Amino acid sequence: LAMATESILHFAGYNRQNTTIGATQLTERPTCVKKDYSNFMASLNLRNRYAGEVAGMIHFSESLGNVSDLNKLMVKQLDGVLESGQPEAYTQAMFKLTALLISCKDCDPQLLHHLCWAPLRMFSEHGVETAIACWEWLL
């Protein structure tokens, strides 16, 4: 378990508060200070949660034969969240949309379009950070 955790945490990005510090000072600090483990683990938790939710949605919609309706539902849900301006609902909608893009065999250009343009409609620190986390997961 310790090896798996260490292996996963190796991919965590640098802490944003340390980016203004010089390279010589940064090398003297321990890894736990340089890396942003808490945000990485929070993002990993969100990825697992919404990947599971979307997998269940896909399984259910395939049994009904309406996979394209699921794409339309995600776009409609994201548009509704952007109209209301609720940050937590925006995070949920963006991660669900990203999970759907990752889970589908073919890339729906409409979903990709909304993933690209949503941060401009929710142009705040939270909105852009959420979009960056989704893009890191997608790529």
C-alpha atoms as a PDB file:
ATOM      1  CA  LEU A   1       0.000   0.000   0.000  1.00  0.00           C
ATOM      2  CA  ALA A   2       2.842   2.377   0.846  1.00  0.00           C
ATOM      3  CA  MET A   3       4.548   1.688  -2.486  1.00  0.00           C
ATOM      4  CA  ALA A   4       1.319   2.254  -4.401  1.00  0.00           C
ATOM      5  CA  THR A   5       0.648   5.526  -2.582  1.00  0.00           C
ATOM      6  CA  GLU A   6       4.190   6.743  -3.147  1.00  0.00           C
ATOM      7  CA  SER A   7       3.950   5.815  -6.815  1.00  0.00           C
ATOM      8  CA  ILE A   8       0.682   7.724  -7.253  1.00  0.00           C
ATOM      9  CA  LEU A   9       1.901  10.772  -5.334  1.00  0.00           C
ATOM     10  CA  HIS A  10       4.922  10.954  -7.607  1.00  0.00           C
ATOM     11  CA  PHE A  11       2.597  12.484 -10.234  1.00  0.00           C
ATOM     12  CA  ALA A  12       1.395  15.318  -7.982  1.00  0.00           C
ATOM     13  CA  GLY A  13       2.165  18.798  -9.218  1.00  0.00           C
ATOM     14  CA  TYR A  14       4.153  21.443  -7.407  1.00  0.00           C
ATOM     15  CA  ASN A  15       2.608  23.530  -4.670  1.00  0.00           C
ATOM     16  CA  ARG A  16       1.544  26.913  -6.057  1.00  0.00           C
ATOM     17  CA  GLN A  17       2.919  28.802  -3.053  1.00  0.00           C
ATOM     18  CA  ASN A  18       6.412  27.499  -3.837  1.00  0.00           C
ATOM     19  CA  THR A  19       6.515  28.662  -7.446  1.00  0.00           C
ATOM     20  CA  THR A  20       7.849  32.109  -6.494  1.00  0.00           C
ATOM     21  CA  ILE A  21      10.754  30.657  -4.515  1.00  0.00           C
ATOM     22  CA  GLY A  22      14.100  30.287  -6.249  1.00  0.00           C
ATOM     23  CA  ALA A  23      15.307  26.914  -7.468  1.00  0.00           C
ATOM     24  CA  THR A  24      18.084  26.686  -4.866  1.00  0.00           C
ATOM     25  CA  GLN A  25      15.689  27.253  -1.976  1.00  0.00           C
ATOM     26  CA  LEU A  26      13.185  24.848  -3.469  1.00  0.00           C
ATOM     27  CA  THR A  27      15.675  21.971  -3.610  1.00  0.00           C
ATOM     28  CA  GLU A  28      16.410  22.356   0.108  1.00  0.00           C
ATOM     29  CA  ARG A  29      12.768  21.833   1.086  1.00  0.00           C
ATOM     30  CA  PRO A  30      11.312  18.364   1.660  1.00  0.00           C
ATOM     31  CA  THR A  31       9.105  16.846  -1.009  1.00  0.00           C
ATOM     32  CA  CYS A  32       6.012  17.051   1.176  1.00  0.00           C
ATOM     33  CA  VAL A  33       6.327  20.853   1.128  1.00  0.00           C
ATOM     34  CA  LYS A  34       7.174  21.165  -2.565  1.00  0.00           C
ATOM     35  CA  LYS A  35       4.394  18.935  -3.870  1.00  0.00           C
ATOM     36  CA  ASP A  36       0.668  19.654  -3.681  1.00  0.00           C
ATOM     37  CA  TYR A  37      -0.446  16.273  -2.385  1.00  0.00           C
ATOM     38  CA  SER A  38      -3.752  17.384  -0.893  1.00  0.00           C
ATOM     39  CA  ASN A  39      -5.112  18.847  -4.127  1.00  0.00           C
ATOM     40  CA  PHE A  40      -3.853  15.857  -6.080  1.00  0.00           C
ATOM     41  CA  MET A  41      -5.606  13.390  -3.774  1.00  0.00           C
ATOM     42  CA  ALA A  42      -8.794  15.482  -3.804  1.00  0.00           C
ATOM     43  CA  SER A  43      -8.738  15.486  -7.596  1.00  0.00           C
ATOM     44  CA  LEU A  44      -8.086  11.739  -7.666  1.00  0.00           C
ATOM     45  CA  ASN A  45     -11.050  11.218  -5.346  1.00  0.00           C
ATOM     46  CA  LEU A  46     -13.303  13.292  -7.637  1.00  0.00           C
ATOM     47  CA  ARG A  47     -12.080  11.343 -10.669  1.00  0.00           C
ATOM     48  CA  ASN A  48     -12.945   8.012  -9.052  1.00  0.00           C
ATOM     49  CA  ARG A  49     -16.342   9.201  -7.889  1.00  0.00           C
ATOM     50  CA  TYR A  50     -17.504  10.602 -11.207  1.00  0.00           C
ATOM     51  CA  ALA A  51     -15.962   7.801 -13.266  1.00  0.00           C
ATOM     52  CA  GLY A  52     -18.092   5.392 -11.243  1.00  0.00           C
ATOM     53  CA  GLU A  53     -21.230   7.508 -11.575  1.00  0.00           C
ATOM     54  CA  VAL A  54     -20.810   7.866 -15.317  1.00  0.00           C
ATOM     55  CA  ALA A  55     -20.029   4.155 -15.745  1.00  0.00           C
ATOM     56  CA  GLY A  56     -23.363   3.406 -14.098  1.00  0.00           C
ATOM     57  CA  MET A  57     -25.138   5.969 -16.275  1.00  0.00           C
ATOM     58  CA  ILE A  58     -23.603   4.500 -19.425  1.00  0.00           C
ATOM     59  CA  HIS A  59     -24.547   0.968 -18.406  1.00  0.00           C
ATOM     60  CA  PHE A  60     -28.131   2.061 -17.730  1.00  0.00           C
ATOM     61  CA  SER A  61     -28.453   4.085 -20.950  1.00  0.00           C
ATOM     62  CA  GLU A  62     -26.992   1.237 -23.037  1.00  0.00           C
ATOM     63  CA  SER A  63     -29.609  -1.102 -21.617  1.00  0.00           C
ATOM     64  CA  LEU A  64     -32.260   1.376 -22.762  1.00  0.00           C
ATOM     65  CA  GLY A  65     -30.494   2.070 -26.078  1.00  0.00           C
ATOM     66  CA  ASN A  66     -30.260   5.848 -25.512  1.00  0.00           C
ATOM     67  CA  VAL A  67     -26.552   6.639 -25.246  1.00  0.00           C
ATOM     68  CA  SER A  68     -26.901   9.850 -27.274  1.00  0.00           C
ATOM     69  CA  ASP A  69     -29.522  11.060 -24.792  1.00  0.00           C
ATOM     70  CA  LEU A  70     -26.901  10.806 -22.057  1.00  0.00           C
ATOM     71  CA  ASN A  71     -24.650  13.234 -23.957  1.00  0.00           C
ATOM     72  CA  LYS A  72     -27.540  15.657 -24.351  1.00  0.00           C
ATOM     73  CA  LEU A  73     -28.370  15.319 -20.652  1.00  0.00           C
ATOM     74  CA  MET A  74     -24.784  16.178 -19.652  1.00  0.00           C
ATOM     75  CA  VAL A  75     -24.748  19.252 -21.900  1.00  0.00           C
ATOM     76  CA  LYS A  76     -28.139  20.369 -20.584  1.00  0.00           C
ATOM     77  CA  GLN A  77     -27.007  19.852 -16.986  1.00  0.00           C
ATOM     78  CA  LEU A  78     -23.816  21.882 -17.542  1.00  0.00           C
ATOM     79  CA  ASP A  79     -25.742  24.696 -19.217  1.00  0.00           C
ATOM     80  CA  GLY A  80     -28.188  24.818 -16.303  1.00  0.00           C
ATOM     81  CA  VAL A  81     -25.351  24.961 -13.794  1.00  0.00           C
ATOM     82  CA  LEU A  82     -23.638  27.751 -15.733  1.00  0.00           C
ATOM     83  CA  GLU A  83     -26.880  29.735 -15.736  1.00  0.00           C
ATOM     84  CA  SER A  84     -27.269  29.353 -11.967  1.00  0.00           C
ATOM     85  CA  GLY A  85     -23.588  30.059 -11.214  1.00  0.00           C
ATOM     86  CA  GLN A  86     -23.244  27.488  -8.414  1.00  0.00           C
ATOM     87  CA  PRO A  87     -19.545  26.546  -8.020  1.00  0.00           C
ATOM     88  CA  GLU A  88     -20.051  23.083  -6.481  1.00  0.00           C
ATOM     89  CA  ALA A  89     -22.626  22.076  -9.069  1.00  0.00           C
ATOM     90  CA  TYR A  90     -20.242  23.360 -11.760  1.00  0.00           C
ATOM     91  CA  THR A  91     -17.485  21.076 -10.434  1.00  0.00           C
ATOM     92  CA  GLN A  92     -19.847  18.099 -10.469  1.00  0.00           C
ATOM     93  CA  ALA A  93     -21.065  18.801 -13.995  1.00  0.00           C
ATOM     94  CA  MET A  94     -17.548  19.331 -15.372  1.00  0.00           C
ATOM     95  CA  PHE A  95     -16.185  16.128 -13.822  1.00  0.00           C
ATOM     96  CA  LYS A  96     -19.195  14.120 -15.049  1.00  0.00           C
ATOM     97  CA  LEU A  97     -18.768  15.504 -18.548  1.00  0.00           C
ATOM     98  CA  THR A  98     -15.050  14.680 -18.494  1.00  0.00           C
ATOM     99  CA  ALA A  99     -15.729  11.172 -17.216  1.00  0.00           C
ATOM    100  CA  LEU A 100     -18.219  10.677 -20.046  1.00  0.00           C
ATOM    101  CA  LEU A 101     -15.658  11.847 -22.605  1.00  0.00           C
ATOM    102  CA  ILE A 102     -13.080   9.432 -21.194  1.00  0.00           C
ATOM    103  CA  SER A 103     -15.518   6.508 -20.969  1.00  0.00           C
ATOM    104  CA  CYS A 104     -16.958   6.749 -24.481  1.00  0.00           C
ATOM    105  CA  LYS A 105     -15.270   5.008 -27.371  1.00  0.00           C
ATOM    106  CA  ASP A 106     -15.708   7.927 -29.750  1.00  0.00           C
ATOM    107  CA  CYS A 107     -15.242  11.573 -28.813  1.00  0.00           C
ATOM    108  CA  ASP A 108     -18.436  13.599 -29.029  1.00  0.00           C
ATOM    109  CA  PRO A 109     -17.452  17.043 -30.382  1.00  0.00           C
ATOM    110  CA  GLN A 110     -20.376  18.678 -28.562  1.00  0.00           C
ATOM    111  CA  LEU A 111     -19.117  17.436 -25.186  1.00  0.00           C
ATOM    112  CA  LEU A 112     -15.592  18.551 -25.993  1.00  0.00           C
ATOM    113  CA  HIS A 113     -16.880  21.966 -27.070  1.00  0.00           C
ATOM    114  CA  HIS A 114     -18.689  22.450 -23.763  1.00  0.00           C
ATOM    115  CA  LEU A 115     -15.652  21.309 -21.790  1.00  0.00           C
ATOM    116  CA  CYS A 116     -13.578  23.960 -23.572  1.00  0.00           C
ATOM    117  CA  TRP A 117     -16.017  26.847 -23.321  1.00  0.00           C
ATOM    118  CA  ALA A 118     -17.509  26.278 -19.863  1.00  0.00           C
ATOM    119  CA  PRO A 119     -14.603  27.935 -17.978  1.00  0.00           C
ATOM    120  CA  LEU A 120     -15.169  31.112 -19.965  1.00  0.00           C
ATOM    121  CA  ARG A 121     -18.783  31.199 -18.859  1.00  0.00           C
ATOM    122  CA  MET A 122     -17.804  30.468 -15.229  1.00  0.00           C
ATOM    123  CA  PHE A 123     -14.758  32.719 -15.264  1.00  0.00           C
ATOM    124  CA  SER A 124     -13.587  32.610 -11.676  1.00  0.00           C
ATOM    125  CA  GLU A 125     -10.660  31.077  -9.857  1.00  0.00           C
ATOM    126  CA  HIS A 126     -12.752  28.044  -8.914  1.00  0.00           C
ATOM    127  CA  GLY A 127     -14.095  27.665 -12.452  1.00  0.00           C
ATOM    128  CA  VAL A 128     -10.680  27.734 -14.084  1.00  0.00           C
ATOM    129  CA  GLU A 129      -9.120  25.416 -11.467  1.00  0.00           C
ATOM    130  CA  THR A 130     -11.910  22.922 -12.057  1.00  0.00           C
ATOM    131  CA  ALA A 131     -11.402  23.106 -15.814  1.00  0.00           C
ATOM    132  CA  ILE A 132      -7.650  22.570 -15.418  1.00  0.00           C
ATOM    133  CA  ALA A 133      -8.253  19.516 -13.205  1.00  0.00           C
ATOM    134  CA  CYS A 134     -10.646  18.107 -15.803  1.00  0.00           C
ATOM    135  CA  TRP A 135      -8.211  18.715 -18.649  1.00  0.00           C
ATOM    136  CA  GLU A 136      -5.370  17.096 -16.704  1.00  0.00           C
ATOM    137  CA  TRP A 137      -7.583  14.053 -16.268  1.00  0.00           C
ATOM    138  CA  LEU A 138      -8.662  14.015 -19.905  1.00  0.00           C
ATOM    139  CA  LEU A 139      -5.148  14.313 -21.256  1.00  0.00           C
END
